[in-house]
C-alpha cells in the first residue's frame, strides 16, 4: 500500500473493527447474533423444503415465500460469518475487493427482499380484489419473470456503486472501517476525495428501490383493506384479513428497521456510533430470523406441515 500525504492510495486490505465502543463485549454480542442466524437458516430451510415437497403449496403465495426464505438465508450468510470472525476470532482484515463484493451482495439481497415483499403484496391484492382471475394473472410464467426481474433490478442498480468506489476513489484517509460489515457509506466515508457523487447515487438507489416498493406496497394494502371492508359477511372479512396478517408483520418489521437504520445514519450525528452499528446489524439479522417464525405461526398450511413433520418423528 502506498501513502500519499498521509493518505493511503488504493488500499488492498481494510480493517473492520466491529462495533465501535463495544469491542470489549463483542464476544458476548456474537452469541445472540449466532443464535438468530442459526434459527434463520434452519427455519427458512425448513419452509423451503416444505414448499418444495408439498404439491399443494405450489401456489404464488408460497412460491414468493420460498423466494423470501432463500433471500433471507443468503442475506444473513453474507454478513454473519465474517462478523463472528471479528467478534470471536479477532480476524478484522478483509481484502478491498472482498469488501466491495460483500457490500454488493448485502445491498443486492436487501433490494431483492424488498422486491419480493412487493410481489407478495401484489399477490394478496389480486387474490382478494380479483380472486377469480388470480390463477390466470399470476401464471407460472409471470412468477418467473417477477423473480428474474427483482434479482436483475437489485444487481443492476447496486452494481454502479461498486464501480464508483473502485474507479473514482483512489485516496483513503484510513483503512479502518467503523462497522462490522462492508456497508456502502461506511466505505465511502473513508475516502480523502470528493464523495458527493457516491453519496447521491447511494440515496438514489435507496429511494429507487425501497421508496418505490413501499409506495406500491402501501397502495396495494390500502386497496386490499377497502375491498375487505366492503365484503358483506363478517366471516369473509376475517378470513380475507387473516391471509394478510403474516405479510403485514413481515412488511412492517423490514421497513421499520430499514427506516430506523437509514435515518439514524444520516441524521443521528448525536447518537453514539455503537447504536448506529447495532441498528444496522439488527436490520439485516432480525427479518431473516423472524420471517420463518411469523409464517410458521400465522400461516395454517405451513404450520400444519411443520406439525406433521415433528409428529411423525415422535411416532417413529
C-alpha atoms as a PDB file:
ATOM      1  CA  UNK A   1       0.000   0.000   0.000  1.00  0.00           C
ATOM      2  CA  UNK A   2       1.341   3.419  -0.979  1.00  0.00           C
ATOM      3  CA  UNK A   3       0.823   6.504   1.181  1.00  0.00           C
ATOM      4  CA  UNK A   4       0.388   9.968  -0.301  1.00  0.00           C
ATOM      5  CA  UNK A   5       0.490  12.936   2.094  1.00  0.00           C
ATOM      6  CA  UNK A   6      -0.794  10.778   4.924  1.00  0.00           C
ATOM      7  CA  UNK A   7      -3.483   9.169   2.775  1.00  0.00           C
ATOM      8  CA  UNK A   8      -3.486   5.568   1.588  1.00  0.00           C
ATOM      9  CA  UNK A   9      -3.510   5.050  -2.184  1.00  0.00           C
ATOM     10  CA  UNK A  10      -5.770   2.227  -3.332  1.00  0.00           C
ATOM     11  CA  UNK A  11      -5.549   0.021  -0.205  1.00  0.00           C
ATOM     12  CA  UNK A  12      -5.503  -3.724  -0.747  1.00  0.00           C
ATOM     13  CA  UNK A  13      -6.753  -4.590   2.761  1.00  0.00           C
ATOM     14  CA  UNK A  14      -9.336  -2.929   5.006  1.00  0.00           C
ATOM     15  CA  UNK A  15      -9.950  -3.386   8.724  1.00  0.00           C
ATOM     16  CA  UNK A  16     -13.442  -3.955  10.153  1.00  0.00           C
ATOM     17  CA  UNK A  17     -13.420  -3.053  13.836  1.00  0.00           C
ATOM     18  CA  UNK A  18     -16.857  -4.493  14.626  1.00  0.00           C
ATOM     19  CA  UNK A  19     -18.999  -2.364  16.941  1.00  0.00           C
ATOM     20  CA  UNK A  20     -17.068   0.776  17.939  1.00  0.00           C
ATOM     21  CA  UNK A  21     -17.249   1.394  21.668  1.00  0.00           C
ATOM     22  CA  UNK A  22     -18.310  -2.165  22.455  1.00  0.00           C
ATOM     23  CA  UNK A  23     -15.149  -4.025  21.455  1.00  0.00           C
ATOM     24  CA  UNK A  24     -14.736  -5.487  24.955  1.00  0.00           C
ATOM     25  CA  UNK A  25     -18.155  -7.191  24.890  1.00  0.00           C
ATOM     26  CA  UNK A  26     -18.337  -8.137  21.213  1.00  0.00           C
ATOM     27  CA  UNK A  27     -17.694 -11.792  22.004  1.00  0.00           C
ATOM     28  CA  UNK A  28     -20.924 -11.827  24.078  1.00  0.00           C
ATOM     29  CA  UNK A  29     -22.904  -9.870  21.489  1.00  0.00           C
ATOM     30  CA  UNK A  30     -21.924 -12.520  18.958  1.00  0.00           C
ATOM     31  CA  UNK A  31     -23.811 -15.221  20.893  1.00  0.00           C
ATOM     32  CA  UNK A  32     -27.379 -13.910  20.328  1.00  0.00           C
ATOM     33  CA  UNK A  33     -26.396 -12.944  16.773  1.00  0.00           C
ATOM     34  CA  UNK A  34     -25.231 -16.506  16.126  1.00  0.00           C
ATOM     35  CA  UNK A  35     -28.441 -17.947  17.618  1.00  0.00           C
ATOM     36  CA  UNK A  36     -30.525 -15.647  15.400  1.00  0.00           C
ATOM     37  CA  UNK A  37     -28.514 -16.738  12.360  1.00  0.00           C
ATOM     38  CA  UNK A  38     -28.939 -20.456  13.124  1.00  0.00           C
ATOM     39  CA  UNK A  39     -32.687 -20.038  13.633  1.00  0.00           C
ATOM     40  CA  UNK A  40     -32.898 -18.032  10.394  1.00  0.00           C
ATOM     41  CA  UNK A  41     -31.054 -20.672   8.370  1.00  0.00           C
ATOM     42  CA  UNK A  42     -32.874 -23.659   9.903  1.00  0.00           C
ATOM     43  CA  UNK A  43     -36.309 -22.015   9.850  1.00  0.00           C
ATOM     44  CA  UNK A  44     -36.072 -20.739   6.289  1.00  0.00           C
ATOM     45  CA  UNK A  45     -34.570 -24.022   5.071  1.00  0.00           C
ATOM     46  CA  UNK A  46     -37.467 -25.906   6.661  1.00  0.00           C
ATOM     47  CA  UNK A  47     -40.000 -23.660   4.925  1.00  0.00           C
ATOM     48  CA  UNK A  48     -38.174 -24.079   1.603  1.00  0.00           C
ATOM     49  CA  UNK A  49     -38.218 -27.877   1.980  1.00  0.00           C
ATOM     50  CA  UNK A  50     -41.928 -27.918   2.900  1.00  0.00           C
ATOM     51  CA  UNK A  51     -42.869 -25.773  -0.098  1.00  0.00           C
ATOM     52  CA  UNK A  52     -40.699 -27.834  -2.446  1.00  0.00           C
ATOM     53  CA  UNK A  53     -42.050 -31.266  -1.456  1.00  0.00           C
ATOM     54  CA  UNK A  54     -45.692 -30.377  -0.731  1.00  0.00           C
ATOM     55  CA  UNK A  55     -47.503 -30.098  -4.071  1.00  0.00           C
ATOM     56  CA  UNK A  56     -50.496 -28.309  -2.546  1.00  0.00           C
ATOM     57  CA  UNK A  57     -48.190 -25.370  -1.725  1.00  0.00           C
ATOM     58  CA  UNK A  58     -47.046 -24.821  -5.310  1.00  0.00           C
ATOM     59  CA  UNK A  59     -49.046 -21.591  -5.485  1.00  0.00           C
ATOM     60  CA  UNK A  60     -47.938 -17.963  -5.996  1.00  0.00           C
ATOM     61  CA  UNK A  61     -48.191 -17.075  -2.298  1.00  0.00           C
ATOM     62  CA  UNK A  62     -45.884 -19.900  -1.240  1.00  0.00           C
ATOM     63  CA  UNK A  63     -43.532 -19.537  -4.200  1.00  0.00           C
ATOM     64  CA  UNK A  64     -42.970 -15.910  -3.174  1.00  0.00           C
ATOM     65  CA  UNK A  65     -42.482 -17.122   0.406  1.00  0.00           C
ATOM     66  CA  UNK A  66     -39.820 -19.546  -0.857  1.00  0.00           C
ATOM     67  CA  UNK A  67     -38.093 -16.656  -2.667  1.00  0.00           C
ATOM     68  CA  UNK A  68     -38.173 -14.662   0.567  1.00  0.00           C
ATOM     69  CA  UNK A  69     -36.725 -17.568   2.551  1.00  0.00           C
ATOM     70  CA  UNK A  70     -33.889 -18.137   0.073  1.00  0.00           C
ATOM     71  CA  UNK A  71     -33.094 -14.409   0.113  1.00  0.00           C
ATOM     72  CA  UNK A  72     -33.075 -14.357   3.923  1.00  0.00           C
ATOM     73  CA  UNK A  73     -30.606 -17.256   4.076  1.00  0.00           C
ATOM     74  CA  UNK A  74     -28.312 -15.585   1.547  1.00  0.00           C
ATOM     75  CA  UNK A  75     -28.533 -12.163   3.218  1.00  0.00           C
ATOM     76  CA  UNK A  76     -27.734 -13.372   6.726  1.00  0.00           C
ATOM     77  CA  UNK A  77     -24.930 -15.617   5.405  1.00  0.00           C
ATOM     78  CA  UNK A  78     -23.317 -12.636   3.661  1.00  0.00           C
ATOM     79  CA  UNK A  79     -22.885 -10.810   6.937  1.00  0.00           C
ATOM     80  CA  UNK A  80     -22.678 -13.133   9.929  1.00  0.00           C
ATOM     81  CA  UNK A  81     -19.697 -15.481   9.322  1.00  0.00           C
ATOM     82  CA  UNK A  82     -17.325 -12.531   8.841  1.00  0.00           C
ATOM     83  CA  UNK A  83     -18.926 -10.675  11.747  1.00  0.00           C
ATOM     84  CA  UNK A  84     -18.365 -13.635  14.075  1.00  0.00           C
ATOM     85  CA  UNK A  85     -14.802 -13.845  12.788  1.00  0.00           C
ATOM     86  CA  UNK A  86     -14.327 -10.289  14.070  1.00  0.00           C
ATOM     87  CA  UNK A  87     -16.166 -10.830  17.361  1.00  0.00           C
ATOM     88  CA  UNK A  88     -14.800 -14.245  18.332  1.00  0.00           C
ATOM     89  CA  UNK A  89     -11.545 -14.854  16.464  1.00  0.00           C
ATOM     90  CA  UNK A  90     -10.134 -11.323  16.078  1.00  0.00           C
ATOM     91  CA  UNK A  91      -9.989 -11.512  12.275  1.00  0.00           C
ATOM     92  CA  UNK A  92     -10.811  -7.921  11.226  1.00  0.00           C
ATOM     93  CA  UNK A  93      -8.887  -7.858   7.938  1.00  0.00           C
ATOM     94  CA  UNK A  94     -10.736  -8.110   4.644  1.00  0.00           C
ATOM     95  CA  UNK A  95      -9.401  -7.652   1.117  1.00  0.00           C
ATOM     96  CA  UNK A  96     -10.649  -4.480  -0.548  1.00  0.00           C
ATOM     97  CA  UNK A  97     -12.244  -6.397  -3.443  1.00  0.00           C
ATOM     98  CA  UNK A  98     -13.841  -8.873  -0.998  1.00  0.00           C
ATOM     99  CA  UNK A  99     -15.250  -5.933   0.946  1.00  0.00           C
ATOM    100  CA  UNK A 100     -16.788  -4.488  -2.221  1.00  0.00           C
ATOM    101  CA  UNK A 101     -18.226  -7.906  -3.079  1.00  0.00           C
ATOM    102  CA  UNK A 102     -19.765  -8.225   0.382  1.00  0.00           C
ATOM    103  CA  UNK A 103     -21.218  -4.720   0.051  1.00  0.00           C
ATOM    104  CA  UNK A 104     -22.749  -5.553  -3.330  1.00  0.00           C
ATOM    105  CA  UNK A 105     -24.208  -8.846  -2.088  1.00  0.00           C
ATOM    106  CA  UNK A 106     -25.685  -7.334   1.072  1.00  0.00           C
ATOM    107  CA  UNK A 107     -27.330  -4.380  -0.666  1.00  0.00           C
ATOM    108  CA  UNK A 108     -28.466  -6.549  -3.576  1.00  0.00           C
ATOM    109  CA  UNK A 109     -30.155  -9.064  -1.281  1.00  0.00           C
ATOM    110  CA  UNK A 110     -31.747  -6.211   0.671  1.00  0.00           C
ATOM    111  CA  UNK A 111     -33.171  -4.911  -2.615  1.00  0.00           C
ATOM    112  CA  UNK A 112     -34.311  -8.413  -3.629  1.00  0.00           C
ATOM    113  CA  UNK A 113     -36.099  -8.853  -0.290  1.00  0.00           C
ATOM    114  CA  UNK A 114     -37.880  -5.538  -0.795  1.00  0.00           C
ATOM    115  CA  UNK A 115     -38.885  -6.599  -4.320  1.00  0.00           C
ATOM    116  CA  UNK A 116     -40.213  -9.948  -3.071  1.00  0.00           C
ATOM    117  CA  UNK A 117     -42.296  -8.157  -0.430  1.00  0.00           C
ATOM    118  CA  UNK A 118     -43.749  -6.002  -3.221  1.00  0.00           C
ATOM    119  CA  UNK A 119     -44.532  -9.152  -5.234  1.00  0.00           C
ATOM    120  CA  UNK A 120     -46.234 -10.699  -2.190  1.00  0.00           C
ATOM    121  CA  UNK A 121     -48.356  -7.566  -1.775  1.00  0.00           C
ATOM    122  CA  UNK A 122     -49.327  -7.838  -5.452  1.00  0.00           C
ATOM    123  CA  UNK A 123     -50.299 -11.480  -4.933  1.00  0.00           C
ATOM    124  CA  UNK A 124     -52.524 -10.625  -1.951  1.00  0.00           C
ATOM    125  CA  UNK A 125     -54.056  -7.717  -3.881  1.00  0.00           C
ATOM    126  CA  UNK A 126     -55.049  -9.962  -6.803  1.00  0.00           C
ATOM    127  CA  UNK A 127     -56.182 -12.815  -4.505  1.00  0.00           C
ATOM    128  CA  UNK A 128     -58.541 -10.568  -2.541  1.00  0.00           C
ATOM    129  CA  UNK A 129     -59.589  -7.926  -5.082  1.00  0.00           C
ATOM    130  CA  UNK A 130     -59.861 -10.184  -8.155  1.00  0.00           C
ATOM    131  CA  UNK A 131     -59.903 -13.793  -6.850  1.00  0.00           C
ATOM    132  CA  UNK A 132     -61.495 -15.354  -9.937  1.00  0.00           C
ATOM    133  CA  UNK A 133     -58.575 -14.262 -12.122  1.00  0.00           C
ATOM    134  CA  UNK A 134     -55.812 -14.906  -9.562  1.00  0.00           C
ATOM    135  CA  UNK A 135     -54.501 -18.111 -11.159  1.00  0.00           C
ATOM    136  CA  UNK A 136     -54.733 -16.581 -14.641  1.00  0.00           C
ATOM    137  CA  UNK A 137     -52.946 -13.333 -13.800  1.00  0.00           C
ATOM    138  CA  UNK A 138     -50.211 -14.833 -11.614  1.00  0.00           C
ATOM    139  CA  UNK A 139     -49.261 -17.608 -14.010  1.00  0.00           C
ATOM    140  CA  UNK A 140     -46.034 -19.626 -13.579  1.00  0.00           C
ATOM    141  CA  UNK A 141     -44.505 -17.655 -16.447  1.00  0.00           C
ATOM    142  CA  UNK A 142     -45.263 -14.324 -14.737  1.00  0.00           C
ATOM    143  CA  UNK A 143     -43.839 -15.632 -11.443  1.00  0.00           C
ATOM    144  CA  UNK A 144     -40.614 -16.491 -13.263  1.00  0.00           C
ATOM    145  CA  UNK A 145     -40.479 -13.030 -14.835  1.00  0.00           C
ATOM    146  CA  UNK A 146     -41.075 -11.396 -11.449  1.00  0.00           C
ATOM    147  CA  UNK A 147     -38.309 -13.424  -9.783  1.00  0.00           C
ATOM    148  CA  UNK A 148     -35.793 -12.680 -12.531  1.00  0.00           C
ATOM    149  CA  UNK A 149     -36.845  -9.021 -12.708  1.00  0.00           C
ATOM    150  CA  UNK A 150     -36.490  -8.497  -8.957  1.00  0.00           C
ATOM    151  CA  UNK A 151     -33.000 -10.058  -8.960  1.00  0.00           C
ATOM    152  CA  UNK A 152     -31.840  -8.125 -12.039  1.00  0.00           C
ATOM    153  CA  UNK A 153     -33.184  -4.823 -10.711  1.00  0.00           C
ATOM    154  CA  UNK A 154     -31.212  -5.259  -7.497  1.00  0.00           C
ATOM    155  CA  UNK A 155     -27.973  -6.391  -9.147  1.00  0.00           C
ATOM    156  CA  UNK A 156     -28.033  -3.698 -11.845  1.00  0.00           C
ATOM    157  CA  UNK A 157     -28.930  -0.769  -9.581  1.00  0.00           C
ATOM    158  CA  UNK A 158     -26.418  -1.675  -6.856  1.00  0.00           C
ATOM    159  CA  UNK A 159     -23.504  -2.528  -9.195  1.00  0.00           C
ATOM    160  CA  UNK A 160     -22.650   1.102 -10.165  1.00  0.00           C
ATOM    161  CA  UNK A 161     -21.994   1.922  -6.501  1.00  0.00           C
ATOM    162  CA  UNK A 162     -19.095  -0.561  -6.616  1.00  0.00           C
ATOM    163  CA  UNK A 163     -17.784   0.973  -9.849  1.00  0.00           C
ATOM    164  CA  UNK A 164     -17.980   4.475  -8.357  1.00  0.00           C
ATOM    165  CA  UNK A 165     -15.947   3.376  -5.335  1.00  0.00           C
ATOM    166  CA  UNK A 166     -13.426   1.288  -7.256  1.00  0.00           C
ATOM    167  CA  UNK A 167     -12.691   3.761 -10.048  1.00  0.00           C
ATOM    168  CA  UNK A 168     -13.421   7.200  -8.542  1.00  0.00           C
ATOM    169  CA  UNK A 169     -11.986   6.896  -5.039  1.00  0.00           C
ATOM    170  CA  UNK A 170      -8.224   6.310  -5.029  1.00  0.00           C
ATOM    171  CA  UNK A 171      -7.055   8.026  -1.830  1.00  0.00           C
ATOM    172  CA  UNK A 172      -8.287   6.974   1.611  1.00  0.00           C
ATOM    173  CA  UNK A 173      -7.847   8.770   4.915  1.00  0.00           C
ATOM    174  CA  UNK A 174      -7.776   5.444   6.738  1.00  0.00           C
ATOM    175  CA  UNK A 175      -8.274   1.759   6.074  1.00  0.00           C
ATOM    176  CA  UNK A 176     -10.226   1.204   9.295  1.00  0.00           C
ATOM    177  CA  UNK A 177     -13.993   0.789   8.815  1.00  0.00           C
ATOM    178  CA  UNK A 178     -16.009   1.625  11.937  1.00  0.00           C
ATOM    179  CA  UNK A 179     -18.502  -1.092  11.179  1.00  0.00           C
ATOM    180  CA  UNK A 180     -18.993  -4.847  11.484  1.00  0.00           C
ATOM    181  CA  UNK A 181     -19.603  -5.389   7.760  1.00  0.00           C
ATOM    182  CA  UNK A 182     -18.875  -3.581   4.496  1.00  0.00           C
ATOM    183  CA  UNK A 183     -21.661  -1.041   4.170  1.00  0.00           C
ATOM    184  CA  UNK A 184     -21.741   1.485   1.315  1.00  0.00           C
ATOM    185  CA  UNK A 185     -21.459   4.734   3.267  1.00  0.00           C
ATOM    186  CA  UNK A 186     -19.021   3.234   5.778  1.00  0.00           C
ATOM    187  CA  UNK A 187     -16.605   2.590   2.887  1.00  0.00           C
ATOM    188  CA  UNK A 188     -17.287   5.865   1.073  1.00  0.00           C
ATOM    189  CA  UNK A 189     -16.573   7.948   4.190  1.00  0.00           C
ATOM    190  CA  UNK A 190     -13.039   6.532   4.334  1.00  0.00           C
ATOM    191  CA  UNK A 191     -12.109   8.373   1.122  1.00  0.00           C
ATOM    192  CA  UNK A 192      -9.974  11.514   1.150  1.00  0.00           C
ATOM    193  CA  UNK A 193     -11.608  12.713  -2.091  1.00  0.00           C
ATOM    194  CA  UNK A 194     -14.918  14.230  -3.154  1.00  0.00           C
ATOM    195  CA  UNK A 195     -17.617  11.688  -2.265  1.00  0.00           C
ATOM    196  CA  UNK A 196     -20.720  13.673  -3.273  1.00  0.00           C
ATOM    197  CA  UNK A 197     -21.383  11.569  -6.388  1.00  0.00           C
ATOM    198  CA  UNK A 198     -21.124   8.353  -4.344  1.00  0.00           C
ATOM    199  CA  UNK A 199     -23.490   9.680  -1.660  1.00  0.00           C
ATOM    200  CA  UNK A 200     -26.020  10.929  -4.193  1.00  0.00           C
ATOM    201  CA  UNK A 201     -26.031   7.605  -6.021  1.00  0.00           C
ATOM    202  CA  UNK A 202     -26.456   5.728  -2.745  1.00  0.00           C
ATOM    203  CA  UNK A 203     -29.504   7.852  -1.898  1.00  0.00           C
ATOM    204  CA  UNK A 204     -30.860   7.364  -5.422  1.00  0.00           C
ATOM    205  CA  UNK A 205     -30.657   3.562  -5.107  1.00  0.00           C
ATOM    206  CA  UNK A 206     -32.292   3.624  -1.659  1.00  0.00           C
ATOM    207  CA  UNK A 207     -35.229   5.689  -2.878  1.00  0.00           C
ATOM    208  CA  UNK A 208     -35.461   3.971  -6.278  1.00  0.00           C
ATOM    209  CA  UNK A 209     -35.829   0.573  -4.608  1.00  0.00           C
ATOM    210  CA  UNK A 210     -37.131   0.955  -1.051  1.00  0.00           C
ATOM    211  CA  UNK A 211     -39.064   4.145  -1.774  1.00  0.00           C
ATOM    212  CA  UNK A 212     -40.709   2.732  -4.911  1.00  0.00           C
ATOM    213  CA  UNK A 213     -41.558  -0.571  -3.244  1.00  0.00           C
ATOM    214  CA  UNK A 214     -43.005   0.885  -0.057  1.00  0.00           C
ATOM    215  CA  UNK A 215     -45.257   3.271  -2.012  1.00  0.00           C
ATOM    216  CA  UNK A 216     -46.780   0.476  -4.086  1.00  0.00           C
ATOM    217  CA  UNK A 217     -46.993  -1.932  -1.150  1.00  0.00           C
ATOM    218  CA  UNK A 218     -48.883   0.721   0.820  1.00  0.00           C
ATOM    219  CA  UNK A 219     -51.211   1.377  -2.112  1.00  0.00           C
ATOM    220  CA  UNK A 220     -51.829  -2.362  -2.524  1.00  0.00           C
ATOM    221  CA  UNK A 221     -52.745  -2.879   1.114  1.00  0.00           C
ATOM    222  CA  UNK A 222     -54.897   0.258   1.149  1.00  0.00           C
ATOM    223  CA  UNK A 223     -56.899  -1.196  -1.749  1.00  0.00           C
ATOM    224  CA  UNK A 224     -56.966  -4.598  -0.026  1.00  0.00           C
ATOM    225  CA  UNK A 225     -58.423  -3.099   3.170  1.00  0.00           C
ATOM    226  CA  UNK A 226     -61.046  -1.172   1.187  1.00  0.00           C
ATOM    227  CA  UNK A 227     -62.072  -4.392  -0.583  1.00  0.00           C
ATOM    228  CA  UNK A 228     -62.086  -6.413   2.660  1.00  0.00           C
ATOM    229  CA  UNK A 229     -64.347  -3.955   4.496  1.00  0.00           C
ATOM    230  CA  UNK A 230     -66.757  -3.982   1.574  1.00  0.00           C
ATOM    231  CA  UNK A 231     -67.355  -7.727   1.938  1.00  0.00           C
ATOM    232  CA  UNK A 232     -70.904  -8.345   3.199  1.00  0.00           C
ATOM    233  CA  UNK A 233     -70.175 -11.182   5.625  1.00  0.00           C
ATOM    234  CA  UNK A 234     -68.096 -10.750   8.775  1.00  0.00           C
ATOM    235  CA  UNK A 235     -66.591 -14.245   8.449  1.00  0.00           C
ATOM    236  CA  UNK A 236     -65.445 -13.470   4.911  1.00  0.00           C
ATOM    237  CA  UNK A 237     -63.832 -10.219   6.093  1.00  0.00           C
ATOM    238  CA  UNK A 238     -61.973 -12.005   8.893  1.00  0.00           C
ATOM    239  CA  UNK A 239     -60.780 -14.771   6.570  1.00  0.00           C
ATOM    240  CA  UNK A 240     -59.520 -12.278   3.981  1.00  0.00           C
ATOM    241  CA  UNK A 241     -57.814 -10.177   6.642  1.00  0.00           C
ATOM    242  CA  UNK A 242     -56.171 -13.207   8.268  1.00  0.00           C
ATOM    243  CA  UNK A 243     -54.461 -14.124   4.993  1.00  0.00           C
ATOM    244  CA  UNK A 244     -52.671 -10.757   5.107  1.00  0.00           C
ATOM    245  CA  UNK A 245     -51.599 -10.636   8.764  1.00  0.00           C
ATOM    246  CA  UNK A 246     -48.299 -12.502   8.282  1.00  0.00           C
ATOM    247  CA  UNK A 247     -47.418 -10.347   5.255  1.00  0.00           C
ATOM    248  CA  UNK A 248     -48.165  -7.145   7.168  1.00  0.00           C
ATOM    249  CA  UNK A 249     -45.969  -8.257  10.103  1.00  0.00           C
ATOM    250  CA  UNK A 250     -43.059  -9.090   7.781  1.00  0.00           C
ATOM    251  CA  UNK A 251     -43.572  -5.874   5.821  1.00  0.00           C
ATOM    252  CA  UNK A 252     -43.562  -3.705   8.969  1.00  0.00           C
ATOM    253  CA  UNK A 253     -40.523  -5.303  10.585  1.00  0.00           C
ATOM    254  CA  UNK A 254     -38.439  -4.998   7.390  1.00  0.00           C
ATOM    255  CA  UNK A 255     -39.263  -1.395   6.538  1.00  0.00           C
ATOM    256  CA  UNK A 256     -39.424  -0.015  10.077  1.00  0.00           C
ATOM    257  CA  UNK A 257     -35.955  -1.359  10.810  1.00  0.00           C
ATOM    258  CA  UNK A 258     -34.777  -0.041   7.426  1.00  0.00           C
ATOM    259  CA  UNK A 259     -36.023   3.466   8.148  1.00  0.00           C
ATOM    260  CA  UNK A 260     -34.655   3.499  11.703  1.00  0.00           C
ATOM    261  CA  UNK A 261     -31.238   2.428  10.390  1.00  0.00           C
ATOM    262  CA  UNK A 262     -31.337   4.871   7.455  1.00  0.00           C
ATOM    263  CA  UNK A 263     -32.351   7.953   9.456  1.00  0.00           C
ATOM    264  CA  UNK A 264     -30.017   7.318  12.395  1.00  0.00           C
ATOM    265  CA  UNK A 265     -27.084   7.001   9.970  1.00  0.00           C
ATOM    266  CA  UNK A 266     -27.949  10.182   8.034  1.00  0.00           C
ATOM    267  CA  UNK A 267     -29.400  12.464  10.713  1.00  0.00           C
ATOM    268  CA  UNK A 268     -28.412  10.991  14.084  1.00  0.00           C
ATOM    269  CA  UNK A 269     -24.998  12.601  14.463  1.00  0.00           C
ATOM    270  CA  UNK A 270     -25.575  12.951  18.236  1.00  0.00           C
ATOM    271  CA  UNK A 271     -26.335   9.232  18.629  1.00  0.00           C
ATOM    272  CA  UNK A 272     -23.385   7.049  19.797  1.00  0.00           C
ATOM    273  CA  UNK A 273     -21.724   5.090  16.943  1.00  0.00           C
ATOM    274  CA  UNK A 274     -22.451   1.721  18.530  1.00  0.00           C
ATOM    275  CA  UNK A 275     -26.191   2.453  18.318  1.00  0.00           C
ATOM    276  CA  UNK A 276     -25.845   3.058  14.560  1.00  0.00           C
ATOM    277  CA  UNK A 277     -23.963  -0.191  14.064  1.00  0.00           C
ATOM    278  CA  UNK A 278     -26.278  -2.270  16.268  1.00  0.00           C
ATOM    279  CA  UNK A 279     -29.319  -0.950  14.369  1.00  0.00           C
ATOM    280  CA  UNK A 280     -27.649  -1.816  11.055  1.00  0.00           C
ATOM    281  CA  UNK A 281     -26.869  -5.325  12.269  1.00  0.00           C
ATOM    282  CA  UNK A 282     -30.399  -5.860  13.576  1.00  0.00           C
ATOM    283  CA  UNK A 283     -31.839  -4.578  10.294  1.00  0.00           C
ATOM    284  CA  UNK A 284     -30.009  -7.355   8.456  1.00  0.00           C
ATOM    285  CA  UNK A 285     -30.414 -10.145  11.031  1.00  0.00           C
ATOM    286  CA  UNK A 286     -33.881  -9.687  12.544  1.00  0.00           C
ATOM    287  CA  UNK A 287     -36.052 -10.124   9.389  1.00  0.00           C
ATOM    288  CA  UNK A 288     -34.396 -13.437   8.343  1.00  0.00           C
ATOM    289  CA  UNK A 289     -34.735 -14.597  11.971  1.00  0.00           C
ATOM    290  CA  UNK A 290     -38.385 -13.564  12.443  1.00  0.00           C
ATOM    291  CA  UNK A 291     -39.823 -14.288   8.984  1.00  0.00           C
ATOM    292  CA  UNK A 292     -39.947 -18.109   9.314  1.00  0.00           C
ATOM    293  CA  UNK A 293     -41.366 -17.763  12.833  1.00  0.00           C
ATOM    294  CA  UNK A 294     -44.105 -15.382  11.645  1.00  0.00           C
ATOM    295  CA  UNK A 295     -45.067 -17.586   8.705  1.00  0.00           C
ATOM    296  CA  UNK A 296     -44.762 -20.768  10.745  1.00  0.00           C
ATOM    297  CA  UNK A 297     -47.198 -19.406  13.337  1.00  0.00           C
ATOM    298  CA  UNK A 298     -49.629 -17.390  11.194  1.00  0.00           C
ATOM    299  CA  UNK A 299     -49.868 -19.495   8.001  1.00  0.00           C
ATOM    300  CA  UNK A 300     -52.048 -22.541   8.641  1.00  0.00           C
ATOM    301  CA  UNK A 301     -50.730 -24.597   5.704  1.00  0.00           C
ATOM    302  CA  UNK A 302     -47.099 -24.092   6.759  1.00  0.00           C
ATOM    303  CA  UNK A 303     -47.952 -24.704  10.420  1.00  0.00           C
ATOM    304  CA  UNK A 304     -49.790 -27.925   9.613  1.00  0.00           C
ATOM    305  CA  UNK A 305     -46.852 -29.248   7.589  1.00  0.00           C
ATOM    306  CA  UNK A 306     -44.369 -28.410  10.366  1.00  0.00           C
ATOM    307  CA  UNK A 307     -46.560 -30.152  12.939  1.00  0.00           C
ATOM    308  CA  UNK A 308     -46.876 -33.164  10.637  1.00  0.00           C
ATOM    309  CA  UNK A 309     -43.074 -33.418  10.360  1.00  0.00           C
ATOM    310  CA  UNK A 310     -42.497 -33.286  14.126  1.00  0.00           C
ATOM    311  CA  UNK A 311     -45.422 -35.548  15.000  1.00  0.00           C
ATOM    312  CA  UNK A 312     -44.259 -38.169  12.507  1.00  0.00           C
ATOM    313  CA  UNK A 313     -40.808 -38.103  14.105  1.00  0.00           C
ATOM    314  CA  UNK A 314     -42.287 -38.572  17.567  1.00  0.00           C
ATOM    315  CA  UNK A 315     -44.414 -41.520  16.391  1.00  0.00           C
ATOM    316  CA  UNK A 316     -41.456 -43.195  14.687  1.00  0.00           C
END
